[in-house]
C-alpha atoms as a PDB file:
ATOM      1  CA  UNK A   1     104.105  82.798  84.201  1.00  0.00           C
ATOM      2  CA  UNK A   2     104.234  85.459  86.786  1.00  0.00           C
ATOM      3  CA  UNK A   3     100.987  85.995  88.199  1.00  0.00           C
ATOM      4  CA  UNK A   4     100.522  88.994  90.638  1.00  0.00           C
ATOM      5  CA  UNK A   5      97.346  88.561  93.218  1.00  0.00           C
ATOM      6  CA  UNK A   6      96.878  91.824  95.556  1.00  0.00           C
ATOM      7  CA  UNK A   7      94.445  91.917  98.599  1.00  0.00           C
ATOM      8  CA  UNK A   8      94.440  94.838 101.567  1.00  0.00           C
ATOM      9  CA  UNK A   9      92.740  97.310 100.092  1.00  0.00           C
ATOM     10  CA  UNK A  10      89.310  99.213 101.875  1.00  0.00           C
ATOM     11  CA  UNK A  11      87.691 102.237 102.740  1.00  0.00           C
ATOM     12  CA  UNK A  12      89.448 103.879 106.211  1.00  0.00           C
ATOM     13  CA  UNK A  13      89.267 107.462 107.503  1.00  0.00           C
ATOM     14  CA  UNK A  14      91.814 110.298 107.030  1.00  0.00           C
ATOM     15  CA  UNK A  15      95.043 109.098 109.871  1.00  0.00           C
ATOM     16  CA  UNK A  16      94.357 105.110 109.573  1.00  0.00           C
ATOM     17  CA  UNK A  17      96.189 102.379 108.578  1.00  0.00           C
ATOM     18  CA  UNK A  18      95.863  99.460 105.457  1.00  0.00           C
ATOM     19  CA  UNK A  19      98.356  96.756 105.046  1.00  0.00           C
ATOM     20  CA  UNK A  20      98.287  95.508 101.493  1.00  0.00           C
ATOM     21  CA  UNK A  21      99.552  92.463  99.967  1.00  0.00           C
ATOM     22  CA  UNK A  22     100.920  90.875  97.065  1.00  0.00           C
ATOM     23  CA  UNK A  23     101.214  86.854  96.819  1.00  0.00           C
ATOM     24  CA  UNK A  24     103.430  86.218  93.734  1.00  0.00           C
ATOM     25  CA  UNK A  25     103.397  82.845  91.444  1.00  0.00           C
ATOM     26  CA  UNK A  26     105.108  81.149  89.187  1.00  0.00           C
ATOM     27  CA  UNK A  27     108.503  82.522  89.449  1.00  0.00           C
ATOM     28  CA  UNK A  28     111.576  82.690  91.674  1.00  0.00           C
ATOM     29  CA  UNK A  29     110.090  85.594  93.577  1.00  0.00           C
ATOM     30  CA  UNK A  30     113.255  86.422  95.606  1.00  0.00           C
ATOM     31  CA  UNK A  31     115.359  87.398  92.470  1.00  0.00           C
ATOM     32  CA  UNK A  32     112.933  89.615  91.452  1.00  0.00           C
ATOM     33  CA  UNK A  33     112.782  93.915  91.766  1.00  0.00           C
ATOM     34  CA  UNK A  34     108.838  94.324  93.491  1.00  0.00           C
ATOM     35  CA  UNK A  35     107.084  97.741  93.937  1.00  0.00           C
ATOM     36  CA  UNK A  36     103.699  99.071  94.737  1.00  0.00           C
ATOM     37  CA  UNK A  37     102.479 101.801  92.507  1.00  0.00           C
ATOM     38  CA  UNK A  38      98.899 103.597  92.454  1.00  0.00           C
ATOM     39  CA  UNK A  39      96.672 105.679  89.889  1.00  0.00           C
ATOM     40  CA  UNK A  40      93.906 107.962  90.788  1.00  0.00           C
ATOM     41  CA  UNK A  41      91.260 108.852  88.745  1.00  0.00           C
ATOM     42  CA  UNK A  42      92.546 111.004  86.073  1.00  0.00           C
ATOM     43  CA  UNK A  43      96.229 110.831  86.782  1.00  0.00           C
ATOM     44  CA  UNK A  44      98.812 108.779  85.471  1.00  0.00           C
ATOM     45  CA  UNK A  45     100.077 105.475  87.251  1.00  0.00           C
ATOM     46  CA  UNK A  46     102.899 106.716  89.818  1.00  0.00           C
ATOM     47  CA  UNK A  47     105.272 104.866  91.766  1.00  0.00           C
ATOM     48  CA  UNK A  48     105.075 104.617  95.424  1.00  0.00           C
ATOM     49  CA  UNK A  49     107.705 102.255  96.931  1.00  0.00           C
ATOM     50  CA  UNK A  50     109.895  99.253  95.308  1.00  0.00           C
ATOM     51  CA  UNK A  51     112.476  96.684  97.180  1.00  0.00           C
ATOM     52  CA  UNK A  52     115.016  94.827  95.185  1.00  0.00           C
ATOM     53  CA  UNK A  53     116.588  91.283  95.661  1.00  0.00           C
ATOM     54  CA  UNK A  54     118.925  92.869  98.664  1.00  0.00           C
ATOM     55  CA  UNK A  55     116.460  94.739 100.133  1.00  0.00           C
ATOM     56  CA  UNK A  56     117.552  97.986  99.261  1.00  0.00           C
ATOM     57  CA  UNK A  57     114.162 100.448  98.539  1.00  0.00           C
ATOM     58  CA  UNK A  58     113.189 103.511  97.568  1.00  0.00           C
ATOM     59  CA  UNK A  59     110.143 105.480  98.151  1.00  0.00           C
ATOM     60  CA  UNK A  60     108.047 108.211  96.892  1.00  0.00           C
ATOM     61  CA  UNK A  61     108.436 111.311  98.802  1.00  0.00           C
ATOM     62  CA  UNK A  62     104.681 111.979  99.421  1.00  0.00           C
ATOM     63  CA  UNK A  63     104.641 108.085 101.684  1.00  0.00           C
ATOM     64  CA  UNK A  64     108.094 108.793 102.960  1.00  0.00           C
ATOM     65  CA  UNK A  65     107.531 108.311 106.905  1.00  0.00           C
ATOM     66  CA  UNK A  66     104.389 106.640 106.252  1.00  0.00           C
ATOM     67  CA  UNK A  67     104.296 103.813 104.807  1.00  0.00           C
ATOM     68  CA  UNK A  68     106.493 100.642 104.655  1.00  0.00           C
ATOM     69  CA  UNK A  69     107.382  97.887 101.915  1.00  0.00           C
ATOM     70  CA  UNK A  70     108.097  94.789 102.931  1.00  0.00           C
ATOM     71  CA  UNK A  71     108.180  91.245 101.763  1.00  0.00           C
ATOM     72  CA  UNK A  72     108.107  87.474 103.038  1.00  0.00           C
ATOM     73  CA  UNK A  73     110.328  85.149 100.594  1.00  0.00           C
ATOM     74  CA  UNK A  74     108.969  82.529 102.807  1.00  0.00           C
ATOM     75  CA  UNK A  75     105.482  83.221 101.510  1.00  0.00           C
ATOM     76  CA  UNK A  76     106.231  84.623  97.920  1.00  0.00           C
ATOM     77  CA  UNK A  77     104.461  88.294  99.260  1.00  0.00           C
ATOM     78  CA  UNK A  78     104.988  91.793  99.237  1.00  0.00           C
ATOM     79  CA  UNK A  79     103.487  93.938 101.614  1.00  0.00           C
ATOM     80  CA  UNK A  80     102.306  97.792 101.750  1.00  0.00           C
ATOM     81  CA  UNK A  81     101.880  98.802 105.493  1.00  0.00           C
ATOM     82  CA  UNK A  82     100.287 101.970 105.065  1.00  0.00           C
ATOM     83  CA  UNK A  83     100.302 104.212 108.266  1.00  0.00           C
ATOM     84  CA  UNK A  84      98.641 108.148 108.422  1.00  0.00           C
ATOM     85  CA  UNK A  85      96.779 107.602 105.402  1.00  0.00           C
ATOM     86  CA  UNK A  86      95.371 110.963 103.239  1.00  0.00           C
ATOM     87  CA  UNK A  87      92.866 111.550 101.652  1.00  0.00           C
ATOM     88  CA  UNK A  88      95.058 111.993  98.691  1.00  0.00           C
ATOM     89  CA  UNK A  89      96.550 108.699  98.850  1.00  0.00           C
ATOM     90  CA  UNK A  90      93.067 107.552  97.632  1.00  0.00           C
ATOM     91  CA  UNK A  91      93.852 105.459  94.215  1.00  0.00           C
ATOM     92  CA  UNK A  92      93.832 101.844  93.049  1.00  0.00           C
ATOM     93  CA  UNK A  93      97.244 100.311  93.933  1.00  0.00           C
ATOM     94  CA  UNK A  94      99.224  97.801  92.049  1.00  0.00           C
ATOM     95  CA  UNK A  95     102.057  95.829  93.089  1.00  0.00           C
ATOM     96  CA  UNK A  96     104.477  94.872  89.833  1.00  0.00           C
ATOM     97  CA  UNK A  97     107.458  92.749  89.452  1.00  0.00           C
ATOM     98  CA  UNK A  98     110.584  93.000  87.473  1.00  0.00           C
ATOM     99  CA  UNK A  99     114.409  91.539  86.768  1.00  0.00           C
ATOM    100  CA  UNK A 100     116.259  94.873  87.108  1.00  0.00           C
ATOM    101  CA  UNK A 101     115.129  98.039  89.226  1.00  0.00           C
ATOM    102  CA  UNK A 102     117.990 100.315  88.874  1.00  0.00           C
ATOM    103  CA  UNK A 103     118.904 103.726  87.350  1.00  0.00           C
ATOM    104  CA  UNK A 104     122.548 104.953  86.034  1.00  0.00           C
ATOM    105  CA  UNK A 105     123.341 105.472  89.345  1.00  0.00           C
ATOM    106  CA  UNK A 106     122.181 102.175  90.728  1.00  0.00           C
ATOM    107  CA  UNK A 107     119.502 103.466  92.939  1.00  0.00           C
ATOM    108  CA  UNK A 108     116.278 101.325  93.357  1.00  0.00           C
ATOM    109  CA  UNK A 109     113.680 103.147  91.202  1.00  0.00           C
ATOM    110  CA  UNK A 110     109.958 102.534  91.111  1.00  0.00           C
ATOM    111  CA  UNK A 111     109.410 103.775  87.027  1.00  0.00           C
ATOM    112  CA  UNK A 112     106.238 101.928  85.691  1.00  0.00           C
ATOM    113  CA  UNK A 113     107.673 101.626  82.468  1.00  0.00           C
ATOM    114  CA  UNK A 114     110.752  99.510  84.107  1.00  0.00           C
ATOM    115  CA  UNK A 115     108.226  97.078  85.770  1.00  0.00           C
ATOM    116  CA  UNK A 116     106.864  93.934  83.069  1.00  0.00           C
ATOM    117  CA  UNK A 117     104.339  91.894  85.451  1.00  0.00           C
ATOM    118  CA  UNK A 118     101.316  93.294  86.849  1.00  0.00           C
ATOM    119  CA  UNK A 119      98.185  92.177  89.472  1.00  0.00           C
ATOM    120  CA  UNK A 120      94.931  93.447  88.777  1.00  0.00           C
ATOM    121  CA  UNK A 121      94.934  96.054  91.833  1.00  0.00           C
ATOM    122  CA  UNK A 122      93.310  96.498  95.140  1.00  0.00           C
ATOM    123  CA  UNK A 123      91.214 100.130  96.069  1.00  0.00           C
ATOM    124  CA  UNK A 124      92.266 102.411  99.018  1.00  0.00           C
ATOM    125  CA  UNK A 125      89.919 104.745  99.457  1.00  0.00           C
ATOM    126  CA  UNK A 126      90.849 107.523 102.348  1.00  0.00           C
ATOM    127  CA  UNK A 127      87.736 109.957 103.587  1.00  0.00           C
ATOM    128  CA  UNK A 128      88.242 112.991 105.208  1.00  0.00           C
END
């Protein structure tokens, strides 16, 4: 059974950094596509970044150049390094997994509808 556990959230000031971690259990981690998502109060869940098993990645425009997704297959762990944080990054952050995360053109996608397994989330709060 797939089990995902996020950690690393917290409260930081604008311009600060955080690194989120997502530990994965119960499946062959390296064969899955993994992603980070976030949901702010009153807003829909949105994709932040995703990484396929071959290392291909995608990022939301709002985080490009500031966030970096990475993984350590030996530790079955996914990371999200978040730099230059802004108040609008405040949200609950979730990691998720799926078998297939490509669109019709073969690009990696971070569409919540395509991800089947979810962690419980970790809160990130950025103050101005």
